[in-house]
Amino acid sequence: MEQFGRRAEVILGSSSYMLHRFKIEFNVEFDDQPDLNHAEIKIYNLSSNSINQLGEGLPVILNAGYQQDVGGIFLGALYKHYTEWSGVDKITTIKAVDASDQLRKLPFSRSYKAGTNAGQIITDVARAGGLSVGALSLPRNPSYSRGKTVNGRIPTILKELARDCGAKFHIAKGQAFFRGGRDGDNIRFRFTPTRGLIGSPEPFEEERDERIIRGYNMTALLNHRIQADSIFNIESRYVNGQYRAMEGSHVLAGNDFYTHIKAV
């Protein structure tokens, strides 16, 4: 089950499941857009008692990496699970979202006095949803001269406030990030053919928010440091320079233990 120094741990509430004891598969999304990221995790041959402890809203943590270089790639809450048989294997599939039940479901309403600025409201609304603010680097920070009332689901409110500020917004690992379009976290990592890069990055072009986005699709050995807005370097035969992770996924499936990245 454990190959080439791979490590993975799924924490479901107070229970921990390690790759060296269980067969585990997963696909974890990351994206710099405000839609909540999802994770699908499969654990083979859980006991009936372990399955019975699963329920909506259960905290889900996923750690992965190689040897001593292991870190968190997902922090969220379970919203669906089911168990199926495949031959002699009993496979439990867990679907989770990168947010708490309170953040996903509960409506929020609050009024703010005249002169309150968007950054202050963002911080307050995020806190009410159980989020810490991972970055608050706003291209503009308008004040609401007549005050402001917010109503609705917390992710929708934060998205609207980010639009007022000309900022992009996403949620990752229980944190909310607000930044200018090209900003991110420089993880100071170089992907090279001898440092994790698999194959050659392939160019892509797509339209997003009425803009043409150009970059490279790349695959690397699973790297827990990578999430949306991670900034890193690529050094390869045809692609060299500094790039930002726009979206991607962390994958464990069969012999695959990779991070796929759309780098821009």
C-alpha atoms as a PDB file:
ATOM      1  CA  MET A   1       0.000   0.000   0.000  1.00  0.00           C
ATOM      2  CA  GLU A   2       2.870   2.359   0.727  1.00  0.00           C
ATOM      3  CA  GLN A   3       5.295   2.978  -2.154  1.00  0.00           C
ATOM      4  CA  PHE A   4       8.415   5.091  -2.600  1.00  0.00           C
ATOM      5  CA  GLY A   5       8.123   6.828   0.772  1.00  0.00           C
ATOM      6  CA  ARG A   6       4.560   8.005   0.239  1.00  0.00           C
ATOM      7  CA  ARG A   7       2.631   9.137   3.304  1.00  0.00           C
ATOM      8  CA  ALA A   8      -1.065   9.901   3.648  1.00  0.00           C
ATOM      9  CA  GLU A   9      -3.345  10.300   6.646  1.00  0.00           C
ATOM     10  CA  VAL A  10      -7.096  10.843   6.699  1.00  0.00           C
ATOM     11  CA  ILE A  11      -8.466  12.272   9.943  1.00  0.00           C
ATOM     12  CA  LEU A  12     -12.240  11.932  10.359  1.00  0.00           C
ATOM     13  CA  GLY A  13     -13.325  13.591  13.572  1.00  0.00           C
ATOM     14  CA  SER A  14     -11.194  11.916  16.255  1.00  0.00           C
ATOM     15  CA  SER A  15     -10.222   8.881  14.130  1.00  0.00           C
ATOM     16  CA  SER A  16      -7.070   8.619  12.019  1.00  0.00           C
ATOM     17  CA  TYR A  17      -6.463   6.324   9.039  1.00  0.00           C
ATOM     18  CA  MET A  18      -2.915   5.921   7.706  1.00  0.00           C
ATOM     19  CA  LEU A  19      -1.832   4.775   4.256  1.00  0.00           C
ATOM     20  CA  HIS A  20       0.436   2.074   5.664  1.00  0.00           C
ATOM     21  CA  ARG A  21      -2.609   0.438   7.317  1.00  0.00           C
ATOM     22  CA  PHE A  22      -5.410   1.157   4.853  1.00  0.00           C
ATOM     23  CA  LYS A  23      -5.725   1.441   1.106  1.00  0.00           C
ATOM     24  CA  ILE A  24      -6.646   5.077   0.491  1.00  0.00           C
ATOM     25  CA  GLU A  25      -7.473   7.035  -2.645  1.00  0.00           C
ATOM     26  CA  PHE A  26      -8.308  10.723  -2.967  1.00  0.00           C
ATOM     27  CA  ASN A  27      -8.862  13.632  -5.318  1.00  0.00           C
ATOM     28  CA  VAL A  28      -8.622  17.088  -3.725  1.00  0.00           C
ATOM     29  CA  GLU A  29      -9.472  20.218  -5.721  1.00  0.00           C
ATOM     30  CA  PHE A  30      -7.958  23.680  -5.352  1.00  0.00           C
ATOM     31  CA  ASP A  31      -8.997  26.798  -7.249  1.00  0.00           C
ATOM     32  CA  ASP A  32      -8.556  30.563  -6.946  1.00  0.00           C
ATOM     33  CA  GLN A  33     -12.290  31.067  -7.554  1.00  0.00           C
ATOM     34  CA  PRO A  34     -14.846  31.631  -4.753  1.00  0.00           C
ATOM     35  CA  ASP A  35     -16.617  28.288  -5.249  1.00  0.00           C
ATOM     36  CA  LEU A  36     -15.888  25.944  -2.363  1.00  0.00           C
ATOM     37  CA  ASN A  37     -13.360  23.221  -3.120  1.00  0.00           C
ATOM     38  CA  HIS A  38     -14.301  19.567  -2.787  1.00  0.00           C
ATOM     39  CA  ALA A  39     -12.468  16.407  -1.845  1.00  0.00           C
ATOM     40  CA  GLU A  40     -13.398  12.818  -2.580  1.00  0.00           C
ATOM     41  CA  ILE A  41     -11.678  10.240  -0.387  1.00  0.00           C
ATOM     42  CA  LYS A  42     -11.996   6.457  -0.570  1.00  0.00           C
ATOM     43  CA  ILE A  43     -10.924   4.196   2.278  1.00  0.00           C
ATOM     44  CA  TYR A  44     -10.964   0.448   1.836  1.00  0.00           C
ATOM     45  CA  ASN A  45     -12.295  -2.067   4.361  1.00  0.00           C
ATOM     46  CA  LEU A  46     -13.266   0.177   7.248  1.00  0.00           C
ATOM     47  CA  SER A  47     -14.932  -1.547  10.162  1.00  0.00           C
ATOM     48  CA  SER A  48     -18.682  -1.205  10.621  1.00  0.00           C
ATOM     49  CA  ASN A  49     -18.041   0.753  13.819  1.00  0.00           C
ATOM     50  CA  SER A  50     -15.843   3.259  11.941  1.00  0.00           C
ATOM     51  CA  ILE A  51     -18.449   3.673   9.211  1.00  0.00           C
ATOM     52  CA  ASN A  52     -21.194   4.225  11.780  1.00  0.00           C
ATOM     53  CA  GLN A  53     -19.237   7.165  13.211  1.00  0.00           C
ATOM     54  CA  LEU A  54     -19.408   9.034   9.919  1.00  0.00           C
ATOM     55  CA  GLY A  55     -21.985  11.780   9.550  1.00  0.00           C
ATOM     56  CA  GLU A  56     -22.667  15.095   7.879  1.00  0.00           C
ATOM     57  CA  GLY A  57     -20.547  17.920   9.259  1.00  0.00           C
ATOM     58  CA  LEU A  58     -17.791  15.643  10.590  1.00  0.00           C
ATOM     59  CA  PRO A  59     -14.416  17.443  10.352  1.00  0.00           C
ATOM     60  CA  VAL A  60     -12.134  16.034   7.646  1.00  0.00           C
ATOM     61  CA  ILE A  61      -8.370  16.588   7.475  1.00  0.00           C
ATOM     62  CA  LEU A  62      -6.098  15.095   4.835  1.00  0.00           C
ATOM     63  CA  ASN A  63      -2.315  15.132   5.152  1.00  0.00           C
ATOM     64  CA  ALA A  64      -0.007  13.799   2.441  1.00  0.00           C
ATOM     65  CA  GLY A  65       3.561  13.870   1.186  1.00  0.00           C
ATOM     66  CA  TYR A  66       6.776  11.903   1.045  1.00  0.00           C
ATOM     67  CA  GLN A  67       8.770  10.529   3.991  1.00  0.00           C
ATOM     68  CA  GLN A  68       9.258  13.412   6.453  1.00  0.00           C
ATOM     69  CA  ASP A  69       7.907  16.067   4.080  1.00  0.00           C
ATOM     70  CA  VAL A  70       4.190  15.789   4.882  1.00  0.00           C
ATOM     71  CA  GLY A  71       1.624  18.578   5.173  1.00  0.00           C
ATOM     72  CA  GLY A  72      -2.062  19.363   5.016  1.00  0.00           C
ATOM     73  CA  ILE A  73      -3.763  19.357   1.628  1.00  0.00           C
ATOM     74  CA  PHE A  74      -7.380  19.562   2.804  1.00  0.00           C
ATOM     75  CA  LEU A  75      -9.352  20.817   5.802  1.00  0.00           C
ATOM     76  CA  GLY A  76     -13.121  20.716   5.612  1.00  0.00           C
ATOM     77  CA  ALA A  77     -16.329  18.945   6.546  1.00  0.00           C
ATOM     78  CA  LEU A  78     -18.033  15.763   5.368  1.00  0.00           C
ATOM     79  CA  TYR A  79     -21.306  16.267   3.480  1.00  0.00           C
ATOM     80  CA  LYS A  80     -21.930  12.788   2.026  1.00  0.00           C
ATOM     81  CA  HIS A  81     -20.673   9.242   2.419  1.00  0.00           C
ATOM     82  CA  TYR A  82     -21.587   5.790   1.173  1.00  0.00           C
ATOM     83  CA  THR A  83     -20.135   2.279   1.230  1.00  0.00           C
ATOM     84  CA  GLU A  84     -20.080  -0.202  -1.645  1.00  0.00           C
ATOM     85  CA  TRP A  85     -18.593  -3.626  -2.236  1.00  0.00           C
ATOM     86  CA  SER A  86     -16.169  -4.316  -5.088  1.00  0.00           C
ATOM     87  CA  GLY A  87     -15.269  -7.987  -5.065  1.00  0.00           C
ATOM     88  CA  VAL A  88     -13.878  -8.719  -1.621  1.00  0.00           C
ATOM     89  CA  ASP A  89     -13.262  -5.006  -0.852  1.00  0.00           C
ATOM     90  CA  LYS A  90     -15.626  -2.764   1.067  1.00  0.00           C
ATOM     91  CA  ILE A  91     -15.035   0.783  -0.172  1.00  0.00           C
ATOM     92  CA  THR A  92     -16.249   3.802   1.791  1.00  0.00           C
ATOM     93  CA  THR A  93     -16.421   7.024  -0.233  1.00  0.00           C
ATOM     94  CA  ILE A  94     -16.313  10.306   1.682  1.00  0.00           C
ATOM     95  CA  LYS A  95     -17.202  13.580   0.025  1.00  0.00           C
ATOM     96  CA  ALA A  96     -16.176  16.752   1.815  1.00  0.00           C
ATOM     97  CA  VAL A  97     -16.198  20.479   1.211  1.00  0.00           C
ATOM     98  CA  ASP A  98     -13.549  23.004   2.230  1.00  0.00           C
ATOM     99  CA  ALA A  99     -15.793  24.702   4.781  1.00  0.00           C
ATOM    100  CA  SER A 100     -17.879  24.097   7.868  1.00  0.00           C
ATOM    101  CA  ASP A 101     -21.597  23.330   7.849  1.00  0.00           C
ATOM    102  CA  GLN A 102     -22.207  26.783   9.301  1.00  0.00           C
ATOM    103  CA  LEU A 103     -20.386  28.421   6.419  1.00  0.00           C
ATOM    104  CA  ARG A 104     -22.163  26.359   3.767  1.00  0.00           C
ATOM    105  CA  LYS A 105     -25.712  26.405   5.044  1.00  0.00           C
ATOM    106  CA  LEU A 106     -26.621  29.002   7.620  1.00  0.00           C
ATOM    107  CA  PRO A 107     -27.914  32.363   6.395  1.00  0.00           C
ATOM    108  CA  PHE A 108     -26.141  35.410   7.786  1.00  0.00           C
ATOM    109  CA  SER A 109     -27.492  38.925   8.264  1.00  0.00           C
ATOM    110  CA  ARG A 110     -25.821  41.923   9.858  1.00  0.00           C
ATOM    111  CA  SER A 111     -25.887  45.698   9.519  1.00  0.00           C
ATOM    112  CA  TYR A 112     -22.802  47.908   9.737  1.00  0.00           C
ATOM    113  CA  LYS A 113     -22.697  51.583  10.643  1.00  0.00           C
ATOM    114  CA  ALA A 114     -21.877  54.409   8.264  1.00  0.00           C
ATOM    115  CA  GLY A 115     -18.175  54.689   7.492  1.00  0.00           C
ATOM    116  CA  THR A 116     -17.398  50.989   7.910  1.00  0.00           C
ATOM    117  CA  ASN A 117     -15.012  49.828   5.216  1.00  0.00           C
ATOM    118  CA  ALA A 118     -15.127  46.625   3.201  1.00  0.00           C
ATOM    119  CA  GLY A 119     -12.071  45.135   4.904  1.00  0.00           C
ATOM    120  CA  GLN A 120     -13.685  45.462   8.321  1.00  0.00           C
ATOM    121  CA  ILE A 121     -16.860  43.763   7.097  1.00  0.00           C
ATOM    122  CA  ILE A 122     -14.886  40.994   5.391  1.00  0.00           C
ATOM    123  CA  THR A 123     -13.031  40.223   8.618  1.00  0.00           C
ATOM    124  CA  ASP A 124     -16.256  40.165  10.640  1.00  0.00           C
ATOM    125  CA  VAL A 125     -18.210  38.012   8.177  1.00  0.00           C
ATOM    126  CA  ALA A 126     -15.337  35.545   7.790  1.00  0.00           C
ATOM    127  CA  ARG A 127     -15.051  35.197  11.557  1.00  0.00           C
ATOM    128  CA  ALA A 128     -18.793  34.549  11.804  1.00  0.00           C
ATOM    129  CA  GLY A 129     -18.342  31.678   9.349  1.00  0.00           C
ATOM    130  CA  GLY A 130     -15.525  30.117  11.337  1.00  0.00           C
ATOM    131  CA  LEU A 131     -12.872  31.304   8.885  1.00  0.00           C
ATOM    132  CA  SER A 132      -9.605  33.015   9.614  1.00  0.00           C
ATOM    133  CA  VAL A 133      -8.383  35.509   7.038  1.00  0.00           C
ATOM    134  CA  GLY A 134      -5.305  34.092   5.336  1.00  0.00           C
ATOM    135  CA  ALA A 135      -4.672  37.202   3.229  1.00  0.00           C
ATOM    136  CA  LEU A 136      -6.370  40.584   3.041  1.00  0.00           C
ATOM    137  CA  SER A 137      -4.534  42.464   0.325  1.00  0.00           C
ATOM    138  CA  LEU A 138      -7.256  44.573  -1.273  1.00  0.00           C
ATOM    139  CA  PRO A 139      -6.690  46.572  -4.466  1.00  0.00           C
ATOM    140  CA  ARG A 140      -9.201  49.037  -2.999  1.00  0.00           C
ATOM    141  CA  ASN A 141     -11.007  49.233   0.330  1.00  0.00           C
ATOM    142  CA  PRO A 142     -14.171  51.313  -0.044  1.00  0.00           C
ATOM    143  CA  SER A 143     -16.010  52.792   2.925  1.00  0.00           C
ATOM    144  CA  TYR A 144     -19.803  52.631   2.936  1.00  0.00           C
ATOM    145  CA  SER A 145     -20.937  56.174   3.729  1.00  0.00           C
ATOM    146  CA  ARG A 146     -24.498  55.069   4.411  1.00  0.00           C
ATOM    147  CA  GLY A 147     -23.537  51.885   6.190  1.00  0.00           C
ATOM    148  CA  LYS A 148     -24.110  48.441   4.753  1.00  0.00           C
ATOM    149  CA  THR A 149     -26.389  45.487   5.414  1.00  0.00           C
ATOM    150  CA  VAL A 150     -25.359  42.029   4.265  1.00  0.00           C
ATOM    151  CA  ASN A 151     -27.722  39.075   3.880  1.00  0.00           C
ATOM    152  CA  GLY A 152     -27.345  35.557   2.555  1.00  0.00           C
ATOM    153  CA  ARG A 153     -24.867  32.691   2.648  1.00  0.00           C
ATOM    154  CA  ILE A 154     -21.434  33.670   3.877  1.00  0.00           C
ATOM    155  CA  PRO A 155     -19.487  32.607   0.740  1.00  0.00           C
ATOM    156  CA  THR A 156     -21.855  34.689  -1.414  1.00  0.00           C
ATOM    157  CA  ILE A 157     -21.476  37.719   0.864  1.00  0.00           C
ATOM    158  CA  LEU A 158     -17.685  37.453   0.814  1.00  0.00           C
ATOM    159  CA  LYS A 159     -17.712  37.113  -2.974  1.00  0.00           C
ATOM    160  CA  GLU A 160     -19.755  40.329  -3.305  1.00  0.00           C
ATOM    161  CA  LEU A 161     -17.462  42.207  -0.915  1.00  0.00           C
ATOM    162  CA  ALA A 162     -14.417  40.996  -2.848  1.00  0.00           C
ATOM    163  CA  ARG A 163     -16.004  42.347  -6.038  1.00  0.00           C
ATOM    164  CA  ASP A 164     -16.444  45.745  -4.352  1.00  0.00           C
ATOM    165  CA  CYS A 165     -12.714  45.666  -3.603  1.00  0.00           C
ATOM    166  CA  GLY A 166     -11.604  44.506  -7.045  1.00  0.00           C
ATOM    167  CA  ALA A 167     -10.114  41.425  -5.392  1.00  0.00           C
ATOM    168  CA  LYS A 168     -10.199  37.730  -6.131  1.00  0.00           C
ATOM    169  CA  PHE A 169     -11.395  35.533  -3.292  1.00  0.00           C
ATOM    170  CA  HIS A 170     -11.169  31.868  -2.407  1.00  0.00           C
ATOM    171  CA  ILE A 171     -11.343  29.593   0.624  1.00  0.00           C
ATOM    172  CA  ALA A 172      -8.677  26.993   1.404  1.00  0.00           C
ATOM    173  CA  LYS A 173      -8.012  24.941   4.530  1.00  0.00           C
ATOM    174  CA  GLY A 174     -10.411  26.970   6.647  1.00  0.00           C
ATOM    175  CA  GLN A 175      -8.983  30.319   5.594  1.00  0.00           C
ATOM    176  CA  ALA A 176     -10.320  33.071   3.347  1.00  0.00           C
ATOM    177  CA  PHE A 177      -7.925  34.780   0.938  1.00  0.00           C
ATOM    178  CA  PHE A 178      -8.502  38.193  -0.686  1.00  0.00           C
ATOM    179  CA  ARG A 179      -5.880  39.443  -3.129  1.00  0.00           C
ATOM    180  CA  GLY A 180      -5.202  41.305  -6.326  1.00  0.00           C
ATOM    181  CA  GLY A 181      -5.369  39.261  -9.521  1.00  0.00           C
ATOM    182  CA  ARG A 182      -1.719  38.194  -9.780  1.00  0.00           C
ATOM    183  CA  ASP A 183      -0.866  38.092  -6.083  1.00  0.00           C
ATOM    184  CA  GLY A 184      -0.147  34.903  -4.158  1.00  0.00           C
ATOM    185  CA  ASP A 185       2.123  33.137  -1.677  1.00  0.00           C
ATOM    186  CA  ASN A 186       5.671  32.530  -2.877  1.00  0.00           C
ATOM    187  CA  ILE A 187       6.469  29.038  -1.610  1.00  0.00           C
ATOM    188  CA  ARG A 188      10.059  29.351  -2.927  1.00  0.00           C
ATOM    189  CA  PHE A 189      10.006  25.987  -4.641  1.00  0.00           C
ATOM    190  CA  ARG A 190      11.610  25.106  -7.997  1.00  0.00           C
ATOM    191  CA  PHE A 191      10.000  22.394 -10.092  1.00  0.00           C
ATOM    192  CA  THR A 192      12.650  20.763 -12.276  1.00  0.00           C
ATOM    193  CA  PRO A 193      12.931  17.323 -13.904  1.00  0.00           C
ATOM    194  CA  THR A 194      14.967  16.252 -10.855  1.00  0.00           C
ATOM    195  CA  ARG A 195      12.737  18.038  -8.304  1.00  0.00           C
ATOM    196  CA  GLY A 196       9.270  16.693  -8.810  1.00  0.00           C
ATOM    197  CA  LEU A 197       8.358  17.805 -12.341  1.00  0.00           C
ATOM    198  CA  ILE A 198       6.889  14.970 -14.398  1.00  0.00           C
ATOM    199  CA  GLY A 199       7.016  15.281 -18.170  1.00  0.00           C
ATOM    200  CA  SER A 200       6.836  18.618 -19.960  1.00  0.00           C
ATOM    201  CA  PRO A 201       4.347  21.387 -19.111  1.00  0.00           C
ATOM    202  CA  GLU A 202       1.761  21.730 -21.863  1.00  0.00           C
ATOM    203  CA  PRO A 203       0.390  25.140 -22.911  1.00  0.00           C
ATOM    204  CA  PHE A 204      -3.307  25.931 -22.495  1.00  0.00           C
ATOM    205  CA  GLU A 205      -5.584  28.862 -23.280  1.00  0.00           C
ATOM    206  CA  GLU A 206      -9.082  29.448 -21.868  1.00  0.00           C
ATOM    207  CA  GLU A 207     -11.573  32.227 -21.233  1.00  0.00           C
ATOM    208  CA  ARG A 208     -12.389  33.130 -17.647  1.00  0.00           C
ATOM    209  CA  ASP A 209     -14.355  36.176 -16.482  1.00  0.00           C
ATOM    210  CA  GLU A 210     -14.257  37.557 -20.029  1.00  0.00           C
ATOM    211  CA  ARG A 211     -10.462  37.352 -20.070  1.00  0.00           C
ATOM    212  CA  ILE A 212      -8.179  35.026 -22.009  1.00  0.00           C
ATOM    213  CA  ILE A 213      -5.976  33.065 -19.634  1.00  0.00           C
ATOM    214  CA  ARG A 214      -2.789  31.474 -20.923  1.00  0.00           C
ATOM    215  CA  GLY A 215      -0.474  29.190 -19.036  1.00  0.00           C
ATOM    216  CA  TYR A 216       0.727  25.617 -18.681  1.00  0.00           C
ATOM    217  CA  ASN A 217      -0.802  22.375 -17.480  1.00  0.00           C
ATOM    218  CA  MET A 218       1.797  20.540 -15.446  1.00  0.00           C
ATOM    219  CA  THR A 219       2.080  17.438 -13.299  1.00  0.00           C
ATOM    220  CA  ALA A 220       4.433  16.940 -10.367  1.00  0.00           C
ATOM    221  CA  LEU A 221       5.024  14.455  -7.612  1.00  0.00           C
ATOM    222  CA  LEU A 222       2.462  15.264  -4.925  1.00  0.00           C
ATOM    223  CA  ASN A 223       3.488  18.503  -3.232  1.00  0.00           C
ATOM    224  CA  HIS A 224       1.459  19.533  -0.184  1.00  0.00           C
ATOM    225  CA  ARG A 225       2.746  23.134  -0.435  1.00  0.00           C
ATOM    226  CA  ILE A 226       0.740  23.759  -3.584  1.00  0.00           C
ATOM    227  CA  GLN A 227      -2.689  25.326  -3.252  1.00  0.00           C
ATOM    228  CA  ALA A 228      -4.495  28.061  -5.153  1.00  0.00           C
ATOM    229  CA  ASP A 229      -2.289  31.173  -5.505  1.00  0.00           C
ATOM    230  CA  SER A 230       0.940  29.358  -4.651  1.00  0.00           C
ATOM    231  CA  ILE A 231       3.793  31.005  -6.555  1.00  0.00           C
ATOM    232  CA  PHE A 232       6.700  28.826  -7.664  1.00  0.00           C
ATOM    233  CA  ASN A 233       9.322  28.445 -10.366  1.00  0.00           C
ATOM    234  CA  ILE A 234       9.441  26.036 -13.285  1.00  0.00           C
ATOM    235  CA  GLU A 235      12.804  25.161 -14.762  1.00  0.00           C
ATOM    236  CA  SER A 236      12.514  22.811 -17.721  1.00  0.00           C
ATOM    237  CA  ARG A 237      13.743  22.443 -21.259  1.00  0.00           C
ATOM    238  CA  TYR A 238      10.979  24.552 -22.818  1.00  0.00           C
ATOM    239  CA  VAL A 239       9.331  26.388 -19.875  1.00  0.00           C
ATOM    240  CA  ASN A 240      11.210  28.590 -17.438  1.00  0.00           C
ATOM    241  CA  GLY A 241      10.035  31.292 -15.081  1.00  0.00           C
ATOM    242  CA  GLN A 242       7.832  32.119 -12.129  1.00  0.00           C
ATOM    243  CA  TYR A 243       4.217  30.966 -12.159  1.00  0.00           C
ATOM    244  CA  ARG A 244       1.101  30.973  -9.982  1.00  0.00           C
ATOM    245  CA  ALA A 245      -1.194  28.005  -9.356  1.00  0.00           C
ATOM    246  CA  MET A 246      -4.613  28.996 -10.703  1.00  0.00           C
ATOM    247  CA  GLU A 247      -6.243  25.639 -10.040  1.00  0.00           C
ATOM    248  CA  GLY A 248      -5.453  21.958  -9.837  1.00  0.00           C
ATOM    249  CA  SER A 249      -5.788  18.822  -7.762  1.00  0.00           C
ATOM    250  CA  HIS A 250      -3.911  16.462  -5.476  1.00  0.00           C
ATOM    251  CA  VAL A 251      -4.453  12.835  -6.501  1.00  0.00           C
ATOM    252  CA  LEU A 252      -3.797   9.431  -4.990  1.00  0.00           C
ATOM    253  CA  ALA A 253      -5.164   6.609  -7.160  1.00  0.00           C
ATOM    254  CA  GLY A 254      -3.401   3.339  -7.824  1.00  0.00           C
ATOM    255  CA  ASN A 255       0.178   4.208  -8.731  1.00  0.00           C
ATOM    256  CA  ASP A 256      -0.658   7.914  -9.156  1.00  0.00           C
ATOM    257  CA  PHE A 257       0.493  10.201  -6.338  1.00  0.00           C
ATOM    258  CA  TYR A 258       0.560  13.504  -8.121  1.00  0.00           C
ATOM    259  CA  THR A 259      -0.297  17.179  -8.019  1.00  0.00           C
ATOM    260  CA  HIS A 260      -1.829  18.547 -11.231  1.00  0.00           C
ATOM    261  CA  ILE A 261      -1.527  22.319 -11.680  1.00  0.00           C
ATOM    262  CA  LYS A 262      -2.776  24.947 -14.078  1.00  0.00           C
ATOM    263  CA  ALA A 263       0.110  27.395 -13.857  1.00  0.00           C
ATOM    264  CA  VAL A 264      -0.302  30.978 -15.070  1.00  0.00           C
END
